[in-house]
Amino acid sequence: MANLAEYERYMRYLCERLGHADRHAGFAEYSRGLMLPIERKSVEPLAAHTDPWHVRAKHQSLRHVVAKSDRSDEAVLGGVREWVSPALKLKDECFWIVDDTGFPKKGKHSVGVARQYCGQLGKQDNCQVAVSLSLASSRGSLPVAWRLYLPEEWASDPPRRKKAGVPTAVKFQTKPQIALAQIRAAKATGVPVGVVLVDAGYGNDTAFRESLKQMGLRYCVGVQASTSVWPPGVEPLPPRPKKSTGRPRKLLRRGRGHRPCSVKELAIGLPTRTWREVTWRQGTNTKLRSRFAAVRVRAASRDYWRTTLREEQWLLIEWPGGETEPIKYCLSTLPANTSLKSLVAKTMTRWRIESDYQELKQEFGLSHYEGRGWRGFHHHATLCIAAYGFLLSQRLKGGGDKKNCAQPKASLLPEGYTPRGSRKNAASRSRLHCDAALPVRSRRCSAARPMSVLRTAVGEAKFVRQ
């Protein structure tokens, strides 16, 4: 009963941020359904498994919770963060991880859908893309901000915006601009300040890096091989001497022997003694290690329009043995006395957001929402993160091992249950239909409780896999 009491306390804590009391029961039901081990977690299967004897009524109730209810997703995510943060032990170390994830879609009516790069597919395709900010430590990570990327073709199309319920305040923003807004909001709400970790999709943006510096945040950001830097010992020339007439010249210059190079050129020219084998963590089957080098450089992007030198920062390069050239480059503003091992370990912490996305999609149905509107897309994601946050906190309190987390059981479906949209006389396809009924049980039997996870001790059952 300890888990049940803790879950109810968690729900009361989050429901304080929902506003009207009528929203509380549906919010808790939807969150509980997302923790069930069922294959599909859109509204219809959730209704069928949370209340199998009143599927139609429950379907309408849950649909209102996710697609119609007017509540603040930011307030709910703030509550999830406050609940989970103590277990993450952010005072020891803290990271802010920015990334985006794609949701493949058919058609053109779902909000934000367009032909764009989808990380899940590894190519350009029809999809939605959302940008997130995660709070992380060595113990785990949790998304604390979530925003759909609205392509320019959507942002500039009033009829489509109105039909999908896009708020008038939402304008077109690039993904780095969305990420910066999330970071500023997190900083304003007093979230523990951490080292910002991003991949090259964001790190290549000079304005993004400069904005982080202006906010006083340290970062480790991926960059492309073509990124230009000033190698050690080479700097821009000072401004030209003042002429007898006219204003004094203030801009830095480039000249013979004073030109930047790409990070790839710099890496290839480094002496052999610069490279070291570094192990940064224990993987699933073996220790993770690779060959790295780190040198102090200055970023060179458009510095001929600057009057002062940029500060030195680390350039971290990964060149595994057996590869013909380096595979990853990272710029970091960590202190100059940071060791290579620490620099590698902090930079590689970014893998945690990939783990978040995988678990949220596979175990909590993040990609299963079937609605088309702006509000429903964000409400569903918030509910998924709320469910994930509770089980993450339970996992960390139980020692941090996923094997020690309990697995909830899905309720049995009533005899004759037919998923919405299926023909009543259709042939059975239980092996293919993702919403197929489970084995038949009599109406005389007492209803199975859907959340055995709340009645099972943390160390008695498995929950998720890595």
Protein backbone atom coordinates (compact mmCIF):
# COMPACT_ATOMS: atom_id res chain seq x y z
CA MET A 1 0.00 0.00 0.00
CA ALA A 2 3.01 2.29 0.34
CA ASN A 3 3.18 2.89 -3.41
CA LEU A 4 -0.56 3.55 -3.64
CA ALA A 5 -0.39 6.14 -0.88
CA GLU A 6 2.65 7.76 -2.48
CA TYR A 7 0.94 7.90 -5.89
CA GLU A 8 -2.17 9.49 -4.41
CA ARG A 9 -0.02 12.05 -2.62
CA TYR A 10 1.81 12.76 -5.91
CA MET A 11 -1.48 13.22 -7.76
CA ARG A 12 -2.81 15.60 -5.09
CA TYR A 13 0.42 17.57 -5.35
CA LEU A 14 0.09 17.93 -9.13
CA CYS A 15 -3.65 18.54 -9.09
CA GLU A 16 -3.12 21.67 -7.00
CA ARG A 17 -1.77 23.19 -10.24
CA LEU A 18 -4.75 22.23 -12.39
CA GLY A 19 -7.14 24.89 -11.18
CA HIS A 20 -10.74 23.61 -11.18
CA ALA A 21 -11.35 20.53 -9.01
CA ASP A 22 -13.36 18.83 -11.79
CA ARG A 23 -10.10 18.22 -13.66
CA HIS A 24 -8.45 16.20 -10.89
CA ALA A 25 -10.09 12.79 -11.35
CA GLY A 26 -9.60 12.67 -15.12
CA PHE A 27 -5.99 13.81 -14.83
CA ALA A 28 -5.23 11.00 -12.34
CA GLU A 29 -7.07 8.40 -14.48
CA TYR A 30 -5.20 9.34 -17.64
CA SER A 31 -1.83 9.32 -15.85
CA ARG A 32 -2.56 5.94 -14.30
CA GLY A 33 -3.54 4.54 -17.69
CA LEU A 34 -0.22 5.64 -19.20
CA MET A 35 1.57 3.42 -16.68
CA LEU A 36 -0.27 0.28 -17.77
CA PRO A 37 1.67 -2.30 -19.85
CA ILE A 38 -0.56 -2.04 -22.92
CA GLU A 39 0.74 -1.74 -26.47
CA ARG A 40 -1.18 1.36 -27.53
CA LYS A 41 -1.77 4.36 -25.25
CA SER A 42 -4.07 6.61 -27.22
CA VAL A 43 -7.40 7.63 -25.69
CA GLU A 44 -9.48 4.61 -26.81
CA PRO A 45 -7.22 1.85 -25.41
CA LEU A 46 -6.70 3.84 -22.20
CA ALA A 47 -10.47 4.08 -21.74
CA ALA A 48 -10.91 0.37 -22.46
CA HIS A 49 -8.32 -0.68 -19.88
CA THR A 50 -9.08 1.83 -17.12
CA ASP A 51 -12.86 1.25 -17.18
CA PRO A 52 -13.67 -1.71 -19.47
CA TRP A 53 -17.39 -1.75 -18.58
CA HIS A 54 -18.02 1.90 -19.49
CA VAL A 55 -15.67 2.44 -22.41
CA ARG A 56 -17.74 5.03 -24.26
CA ALA A 57 -18.24 7.27 -21.25
CA LYS A 58 -14.64 6.89 -20.16
CA HIS A 59 -13.46 7.64 -23.69
CA GLN A 60 -15.33 10.96 -23.69
CA SER A 61 -14.00 11.80 -20.25
CA LEU A 62 -10.36 11.10 -21.10
CA ARG A 63 -10.65 12.85 -24.46
CA HIS A 64 -11.84 15.97 -22.66
CA VAL A 65 -8.92 15.71 -20.21
CA VAL A 66 -6.31 15.57 -22.96
CA ALA A 67 -7.80 17.63 -25.78
CA LYS A 68 -10.20 20.17 -24.25
CA SER A 69 -9.25 20.90 -20.64
CA ASP A 70 -7.85 24.41 -20.18
CA ARG A 71 -4.87 24.06 -17.86
CA SER A 72 -1.25 25.17 -17.70
CA ASP A 73 1.20 22.51 -18.87
CA GLU A 74 4.08 24.64 -17.55
CA ALA A 75 2.56 24.59 -14.04
CA VAL A 76 2.15 20.79 -14.09
CA LEU A 77 5.69 20.23 -15.38
CA GLY A 78 6.93 22.56 -12.64
CA GLY A 79 5.22 20.36 -10.08
CA VAL A 80 6.75 17.20 -11.56
CA ARG A 81 10.20 18.84 -11.46
CA GLU A 82 9.81 19.91 -7.83
CA TRP A 83 8.75 16.37 -6.86
CA VAL A 84 11.58 14.56 -8.65
CA SER A 85 14.47 17.04 -8.21
CA PRO A 86 15.45 16.01 -4.64
CA ALA A 87 15.97 12.40 -5.79
CA LEU A 88 18.22 13.57 -8.65
CA LYS A 89 20.60 15.24 -6.13
CA LEU A 90 21.22 18.24 -8.35
CA LYS A 91 23.36 19.97 -5.72
CA ASP A 92 26.15 17.50 -6.51
CA GLU A 93 25.99 18.11 -10.27
CA CYS A 94 23.41 19.46 -12.67
CA PHE A 95 22.97 19.51 -16.45
CA TRP A 96 20.42 21.13 -18.76
CA ILE A 97 20.03 18.97 -21.86
CA VAL A 98 18.31 20.38 -24.96
CA ASP A 99 17.19 18.21 -27.86
CA ASP A 100 14.27 17.57 -30.17
CA THR A 101 12.41 14.44 -31.17
CA GLY A 102 10.18 13.58 -34.13
CA PHE A 103 6.82 11.85 -34.48
CA PRO A 104 6.12 10.34 -37.94
CA LYS A 105 2.65 11.26 -39.19
CA LYS A 106 0.41 10.61 -42.18
CA GLY A 107 -1.60 13.38 -43.78
CA LYS A 108 -1.28 17.13 -43.29
CA HIS A 109 -3.87 18.10 -40.67
CA SER A 110 -2.08 17.30 -37.38
CA VAL A 111 -0.71 20.51 -35.89
CA GLY A 112 2.87 21.28 -36.95
CA VAL A 113 3.16 18.33 -39.33
CA ALA A 114 5.44 18.94 -42.31
CA ARG A 115 8.14 17.28 -44.32
CA GLN A 116 11.21 17.76 -42.13
CA TYR A 117 14.04 15.79 -40.56
CA CYS A 118 12.80 13.07 -38.20
CA GLY A 119 15.41 11.63 -35.85
CA GLN A 120 13.32 8.50 -35.25
CA LEU A 121 13.47 7.69 -38.97
CA GLY A 122 16.90 9.21 -39.62
CA LYS A 123 15.69 11.06 -42.71
CA GLN A 124 13.36 13.75 -44.05
CA ASP A 125 9.73 12.68 -43.81
CA ASN A 126 6.26 13.81 -42.82
CA CYS A 127 6.38 14.34 -39.05
CA GLN A 128 5.90 16.58 -36.02
CA VAL A 129 8.95 17.75 -34.04
CA ALA A 130 9.03 18.87 -30.41
CA VAL A 131 11.85 20.63 -28.55
CA SER A 132 12.48 19.76 -24.91
CA LEU A 133 14.69 20.79 -22.01
CA SER A 134 15.69 18.08 -19.52
CA LEU A 135 17.13 18.43 -16.04
CA ALA A 136 19.78 15.76 -15.42
CA SER A 137 22.40 14.42 -13.03
CA SER A 138 24.41 11.21 -12.87
CA ARG A 139 21.35 9.53 -11.30
CA GLY A 140 18.80 10.28 -14.00
CA SER A 141 17.05 12.94 -16.06
CA LEU A 142 13.60 14.46 -16.45
CA PRO A 143 12.06 16.66 -19.18
CA VAL A 144 10.97 19.97 -17.60
CA ALA A 145 9.90 21.90 -20.72
CA TRP A 146 8.17 20.78 -23.92
CA ARG A 147 7.16 22.76 -27.03
CA LEU A 148 6.05 21.76 -30.49
CA TYR A 149 8.14 23.24 -33.31
CA LEU A 150 5.74 25.07 -35.62
CA PRO A 151 7.17 25.22 -39.17
CA GLU A 152 6.99 28.56 -40.97
CA GLU A 153 4.39 27.22 -43.40
CA TRP A 154 2.11 26.61 -40.42
CA ALA A 155 2.97 29.78 -38.54
CA SER A 156 2.02 31.91 -41.56
CA ASP A 157 -1.26 30.09 -42.35
CA PRO A 158 -4.12 31.57 -40.22
CA PRO A 159 -6.82 29.05 -41.31
CA ARG A 160 -4.64 26.05 -40.39
CA ARG A 161 -3.63 27.69 -37.11
CA LYS A 162 -7.25 28.37 -36.17
CA LYS A 163 -8.39 24.83 -37.02
CA ALA A 164 -5.57 23.29 -34.94
CA GLY A 165 -6.08 25.72 -32.05
CA VAL A 166 -2.62 27.29 -32.19
CA PRO A 167 -2.53 30.22 -29.71
CA THR A 168 -2.20 33.64 -31.29
CA ALA A 169 0.84 34.35 -29.12
CA VAL A 170 2.77 31.51 -30.79
CA LYS A 171 4.89 32.83 -33.64
CA PHE A 172 7.46 31.15 -35.84
CA GLN A 173 10.67 30.36 -33.97
CA THR A 174 13.63 28.23 -34.95
CA LYS A 175 14.45 25.28 -32.74
CA PRO A 176 17.42 27.09 -31.12
CA GLN A 177 15.13 30.05 -30.39
CA ILE A 178 12.57 27.74 -28.75
CA ALA A 179 15.34 26.14 -26.70
CA LEU A 180 16.65 29.54 -25.55
CA ALA A 181 13.12 30.53 -24.46
CA GLN A 182 12.86 27.31 -22.44
CA ILE A 183 16.25 27.95 -20.84
CA ARG A 184 15.36 31.53 -19.94
CA ALA A 185 12.07 30.37 -18.41
CA ALA A 186 13.86 27.67 -16.38
CA LYS A 187 16.42 30.20 -15.15
CA ALA A 188 13.65 32.63 -14.19
CA THR A 189 11.78 30.01 -12.13
CA GLY A 190 14.82 29.15 -10.03
CA VAL A 191 15.69 25.77 -11.51
CA PRO A 192 19.18 24.74 -10.30
CA VAL A 193 21.64 26.09 -12.85
CA GLY A 194 23.45 23.41 -14.86
CA VAL A 195 25.88 22.94 -17.72
CA VAL A 196 23.95 23.16 -21.01
CA LEU A 197 24.43 20.14 -23.28
CA VAL A 198 23.26 20.14 -26.92
CA ASP A 199 24.12 18.43 -30.19
CA ALA A 200 25.45 20.08 -33.34
CA GLY A 201 21.93 20.99 -34.49
CA TYR A 202 21.97 23.70 -31.83
CA GLY A 203 25.68 24.13 -31.16
CA ASN A 204 26.39 25.22 -34.75
CA ASP A 205 24.28 28.31 -34.13
CA THR A 206 26.71 31.03 -33.02
CA ALA A 207 23.84 33.17 -31.72
CA PHE A 208 22.72 30.26 -29.53
CA ARG A 209 26.19 29.92 -27.98
CA GLU A 210 26.51 33.68 -27.47
CA SER A 211 23.10 33.81 -25.78
CA LEU A 212 24.12 31.08 -23.32
CA LYS A 213 27.25 33.06 -22.50
CA GLN A 214 25.21 36.24 -21.95
CA MET A 215 22.99 34.33 -19.51
CA GLY A 216 26.07 33.25 -17.58
CA LEU A 217 25.65 29.56 -18.41
CA ARG A 218 28.47 27.14 -19.15
CA TYR A 219 27.99 24.75 -22.04
CA CYS A 220 29.26 21.71 -23.91
CA VAL A 221 27.85 21.91 -27.43
CA GLY A 222 28.38 19.76 -30.49
CA VAL A 223 29.61 21.48 -33.67
CA GLN A 224 30.18 20.42 -37.27
CA ALA A 225 33.59 19.61 -38.72
CA SER A 226 33.50 22.82 -40.78
CA THR A 227 33.22 25.11 -37.73
CA SER A 228 36.07 27.63 -37.81
CA VAL A 229 38.29 28.34 -34.79
CA TRP A 230 41.57 30.05 -34.01
CA PRO A 231 44.08 27.31 -33.14
CA PRO A 232 46.37 27.66 -30.10
CA GLY A 233 48.84 30.52 -30.51
CA VAL A 234 46.99 32.15 -33.43
CA GLU A 235 44.73 35.20 -33.03
CA PRO A 236 43.10 37.89 -35.19
CA LEU A 237 45.17 40.97 -35.97
CA PRO A 238 44.41 44.14 -34.02
CA PRO A 239 42.53 47.01 -35.73
CA ARG A 240 44.41 48.97 -38.38
CA PRO A 241 46.22 52.09 -37.19
CA LYS A 242 44.23 55.31 -37.29
CA LYS A 243 44.64 57.45 -40.39
CA SER A 244 45.39 61.13 -40.17
CA THR A 245 41.71 61.85 -40.71
CA GLY A 246 38.49 59.98 -40.00
CA ARG A 247 37.33 57.78 -37.16
CA PRO A 248 39.67 55.31 -35.47
CA ARG A 249 39.30 51.72 -36.69
CA LYS A 250 38.09 49.20 -34.13
CA LEU A 251 37.40 45.93 -35.95
CA LEU A 252 39.69 42.89 -35.69
CA ARG A 253 41.43 41.75 -38.86
CA ARG A 254 42.63 38.64 -40.62
CA GLY A 255 45.79 38.49 -42.66
CA ARG A 256 48.61 36.29 -43.85
CA GLY A 257 49.51 33.90 -41.05
CA HIS A 258 46.48 35.06 -39.08
CA ARG A 259 43.59 33.01 -40.39
CA PRO A 260 41.32 30.53 -38.61
CA CYS A 261 40.94 26.89 -39.63
CA SER A 262 38.19 24.31 -39.41
CA VAL A 263 38.04 22.07 -36.35
CA LYS A 264 38.61 19.09 -38.65
CA GLU A 265 41.85 20.59 -40.02
CA LEU A 266 43.00 21.35 -36.50
CA ALA A 267 42.20 17.80 -35.30
CA ILE A 268 44.05 16.09 -38.14
CA GLY A 269 47.12 18.24 -37.52
CA LEU A 270 47.40 17.46 -33.80
CA PRO A 271 50.47 15.47 -32.70
CA THR A 272 50.00 11.84 -31.67
CA ARG A 273 50.84 12.54 -28.03
CA THR A 274 47.74 14.77 -27.77
CA TRP A 275 45.36 11.82 -28.05
CA ARG A 276 44.35 9.74 -25.04
CA GLU A 277 42.08 6.76 -24.44
CA VAL A 278 39.29 7.74 -22.01
CA THR A 279 36.60 5.61 -20.33
CA TRP A 280 33.58 7.66 -19.25
CA ARG A 281 30.98 5.18 -17.96
CA GLN A 282 29.84 1.58 -17.75
CA GLY A 283 27.58 0.64 -20.65
CA THR A 284 25.05 -2.18 -20.82
CA ASN A 285 27.60 -4.83 -21.79
CA THR A 286 31.00 -3.18 -21.43
CA LYS A 287 32.75 0.03 -20.43
CA LEU A 288 32.40 2.88 -22.90
CA ARG A 289 35.73 4.24 -24.08
CA SER A 290 37.18 6.09 -27.04
CA ARG A 291 40.13 8.26 -28.07
CA PHE A 292 39.95 12.00 -27.35
CA ALA A 293 41.98 15.18 -27.56
CA ALA A 294 41.22 18.59 -26.05
CA VAL A 295 42.82 21.93 -26.96
CA ARG A 296 42.13 25.56 -26.07
CA VAL A 297 40.76 27.59 -29.00
CA ARG A 298 38.76 30.71 -29.79
CA ALA A 299 35.61 30.58 -31.91
CA ALA A 300 36.17 32.47 -35.17
CA SER A 301 32.65 32.92 -36.60
CA ARG A 302 32.29 36.49 -37.99
CA ASP A 303 34.84 37.89 -35.55
CA TYR A 304 35.95 40.36 -38.23
CA TRP A 305 32.88 42.33 -37.11
CA ARG A 306 34.05 42.30 -33.50
CA THR A 307 36.22 44.76 -31.65
CA THR A 308 37.40 42.34 -28.94
CA LEU A 309 38.68 38.77 -28.87
CA ARG A 310 36.35 35.98 -27.87
CA GLU A 311 37.35 34.09 -24.75
CA GLU A 312 39.22 30.81 -25.06
CA GLN A 313 37.25 27.61 -24.67
CA TRP A 314 37.80 23.89 -24.98
CA LEU A 315 37.59 22.05 -28.27
CA LEU A 316 36.98 18.38 -27.50
CA ILE A 317 37.55 15.95 -30.39
CA GLU A 318 36.62 12.26 -30.54
CA TRP A 319 38.61 10.08 -32.95
CA PRO A 320 38.08 6.38 -32.21
CA GLY A 321 40.80 3.95 -33.17
CA GLY A 322 40.16 2.42 -36.58
CA GLU A 323 38.31 5.48 -37.93
CA THR A 324 39.86 7.38 -40.83
CA GLU A 325 38.96 10.79 -39.34
CA PRO A 326 37.44 12.34 -36.19
CA ILE A 327 33.73 11.69 -35.71
CA LYS A 328 32.63 14.32 -33.16
CA TYR A 329 33.59 17.84 -32.15
CA CYS A 330 32.46 19.82 -29.12
CA LEU A 331 33.05 23.37 -27.88
CA SER A 332 32.92 23.86 -24.12
CA THR A 333 33.22 26.80 -21.73
CA LEU A 334 34.11 24.60 -18.76
CA PRO A 335 37.05 25.99 -16.72
CA ALA A 336 40.55 25.84 -18.20
CA ASN A 337 41.70 23.49 -15.42
CA THR A 338 39.06 20.84 -16.27
CA SER A 339 40.67 17.45 -16.81
CA LEU A 340 40.18 15.56 -20.07
CA LYS A 341 38.33 12.76 -18.28
CA SER A 342 35.92 15.19 -16.60
CA LEU A 343 35.39 17.07 -19.86
CA VAL A 344 34.51 13.83 -21.66
CA ALA A 345 32.24 12.59 -18.86
CA LYS A 346 30.24 15.83 -18.72
CA THR A 347 29.90 16.07 -22.49
CA MET A 348 28.74 12.47 -22.79
CA THR A 349 25.96 13.01 -20.24
CA ARG A 350 23.83 14.17 -23.18
CA TRP A 351 22.98 10.50 -23.90
CA ARG A 352 20.44 10.66 -21.07
CA ILE A 353 17.93 12.60 -23.14
CA GLU A 354 17.95 9.84 -25.75
CA SER A 355 17.13 7.41 -22.95
CA ASP A 356 14.28 9.72 -21.86
CA TYR A 357 12.79 9.81 -25.34
CA GLN A 358 13.07 6.06 -25.79
CA GLU A 359 11.38 5.29 -22.49
CA LEU A 360 8.68 7.95 -22.89
CA LYS A 361 7.79 6.62 -26.34
CA GLN A 362 8.05 2.89 -25.68
CA GLU A 363 6.73 2.68 -22.13
CA PHE A 364 4.50 5.75 -21.68
CA GLY A 365 2.98 6.27 -25.13
CA LEU A 366 4.46 9.70 -25.87
CA SER A 367 4.11 9.10 -29.61
CA HIS A 368 0.63 7.52 -29.42
CA TYR A 369 -1.52 10.65 -29.34
CA GLU A 370 -3.97 10.61 -32.27
CA GLY A 371 -5.48 14.10 -31.98
CA ARG A 372 -4.65 16.99 -34.28
CA GLY A 373 -4.78 20.03 -32.02
CA TRP A 374 -2.11 22.12 -30.29
CA ARG A 375 -3.59 21.77 -26.81
CA GLY A 376 -4.00 17.99 -26.99
CA PHE A 377 -0.45 17.47 -28.27
CA HIS A 378 1.01 19.34 -25.29
CA HIS A 379 -1.44 17.97 -22.70
CA HIS A 380 -0.67 14.38 -23.72
CA ALA A 381 3.08 14.97 -23.49
CA THR A 382 2.68 16.60 -20.06
CA LEU A 383 0.68 13.63 -18.79
CA CYS A 384 3.32 11.21 -20.13
CA ILE A 385 6.07 13.16 -18.36
CA ALA A 386 4.01 13.25 -15.15
CA ALA A 387 3.63 9.45 -15.21
CA TYR A 388 7.32 9.03 -16.05
CA GLY A 389 8.28 11.43 -13.25
CA PHE A 390 6.47 9.39 -10.60
CA LEU A 391 8.05 6.09 -11.59
CA LEU A 392 11.46 7.79 -11.96
CA SER A 393 11.22 9.08 -8.39
CA GLN A 394 10.22 5.61 -7.17
CA ARG A 395 13.13 4.08 -9.08
CA LEU A 396 15.65 6.51 -7.58
CA LYS A 397 14.31 5.98 -4.07
CA GLY A 398 14.63 2.24 -4.63
CA GLY A 399 18.32 2.45 -5.54
CA GLY A 400 18.15 3.71 -9.13
CA ASP A 401 17.87 0.28 -10.79
CA LYS A 402 15.11 -0.19 -13.35
CA LYS A 403 14.97 -3.86 -12.41
CA ASN A 404 13.67 -2.84 -8.99
CA CYS A 405 10.65 -0.99 -10.35
CA ALA A 406 7.24 -2.64 -10.25
CA GLN A 407 5.27 -3.36 -13.41
CA PRO A 408 1.54 -2.51 -13.41
CA LYS A 409 -0.98 -4.94 -14.83
CA ALA A 410 -3.60 -4.06 -17.41
CA SER A 411 -7.24 -4.83 -16.66
CA LEU A 412 -9.03 -7.48 -18.70
CA LEU A 413 -11.41 -6.26 -21.39
CA PRO A 414 -15.09 -7.27 -21.35
CA GLU A 415 -16.42 -9.97 -23.66
CA GLY A 416 -17.34 -8.66 -27.09
CA TYR A 417 -15.31 -5.46 -26.79
CA THR A 418 -14.68 -3.96 -30.25
CA PRO A 419 -12.20 -1.10 -30.75
CA ARG A 420 -13.67 2.08 -32.23
CA GLY A 421 -13.77 1.97 -36.02
CA SER A 422 -13.73 -1.84 -36.28
CA ARG A 423 -16.55 -3.77 -38.03
CA LYS A 424 -18.60 -5.82 -35.60
CA ASN A 425 -18.55 -8.80 -37.97
CA ALA A 426 -14.83 -8.55 -38.76
CA ALA A 427 -12.73 -11.68 -38.53
CA SER A 428 -10.57 -12.02 -35.44
CA ARG A 429 -7.06 -10.56 -35.79
CA SER A 430 -5.84 -10.73 -32.21
CA ARG A 431 -2.24 -11.19 -33.23
CA LEU A 432 -2.24 -8.09 -35.44
CA HIS A 433 -4.60 -5.59 -33.84
CA CYS A 434 -2.78 -3.46 -31.29
CA ASP A 435 -6.02 -3.00 -29.29
CA ALA A 436 -7.06 -6.67 -29.33
CA ALA A 437 -9.03 -7.91 -26.32
CA LEU A 438 -7.31 -9.98 -23.67
CA PRO A 439 -8.71 -13.41 -22.62
CA VAL A 440 -12.43 -13.40 -21.82
CA ARG A 441 -13.54 -13.11 -18.18
CA SER A 442 -17.00 -13.30 -16.66
CA ARG A 443 -18.95 -10.23 -15.54
CA ARG A 444 -19.43 -11.95 -12.18
CA CYS A 445 -15.73 -11.72 -11.43
CA SER A 446 -14.54 -8.72 -9.48
CA ALA A 447 -12.82 -6.10 -11.65
CA ALA A 448 -9.05 -6.31 -11.69
CA ARG A 449 -7.33 -3.28 -10.25
CA PRO A 450 -5.42 -1.53 -13.04
CA MET A 451 -2.56 -0.11 -10.97
CA SER A 452 -0.83 -3.02 -9.30
CA VAL A 453 2.31 -0.90 -9.48
CA LEU A 454 0.85 1.10 -6.60
CA ARG A 455 0.28 -1.97 -4.47
CA THR A 456 3.53 -3.78 -5.18
CA ALA A 457 6.73 -3.19 -3.28
CA VAL A 458 9.35 -1.48 -5.39
CA GLY A 459 11.77 -4.37 -5.21
CA GLU A 460 9.33 -7.14 -6.14
CA ALA A 461 8.78 -6.72 -9.88
CA LYS A 462 10.29 -5.37 -13.03
CA PHE A 463 8.98 -2.27 -14.76
CA VAL A 464 11.02 -1.14 -17.77
CA ARG A 465 14.06 -2.07 -19.73
CA GLN A 466 17.14 -0.08 -20.80
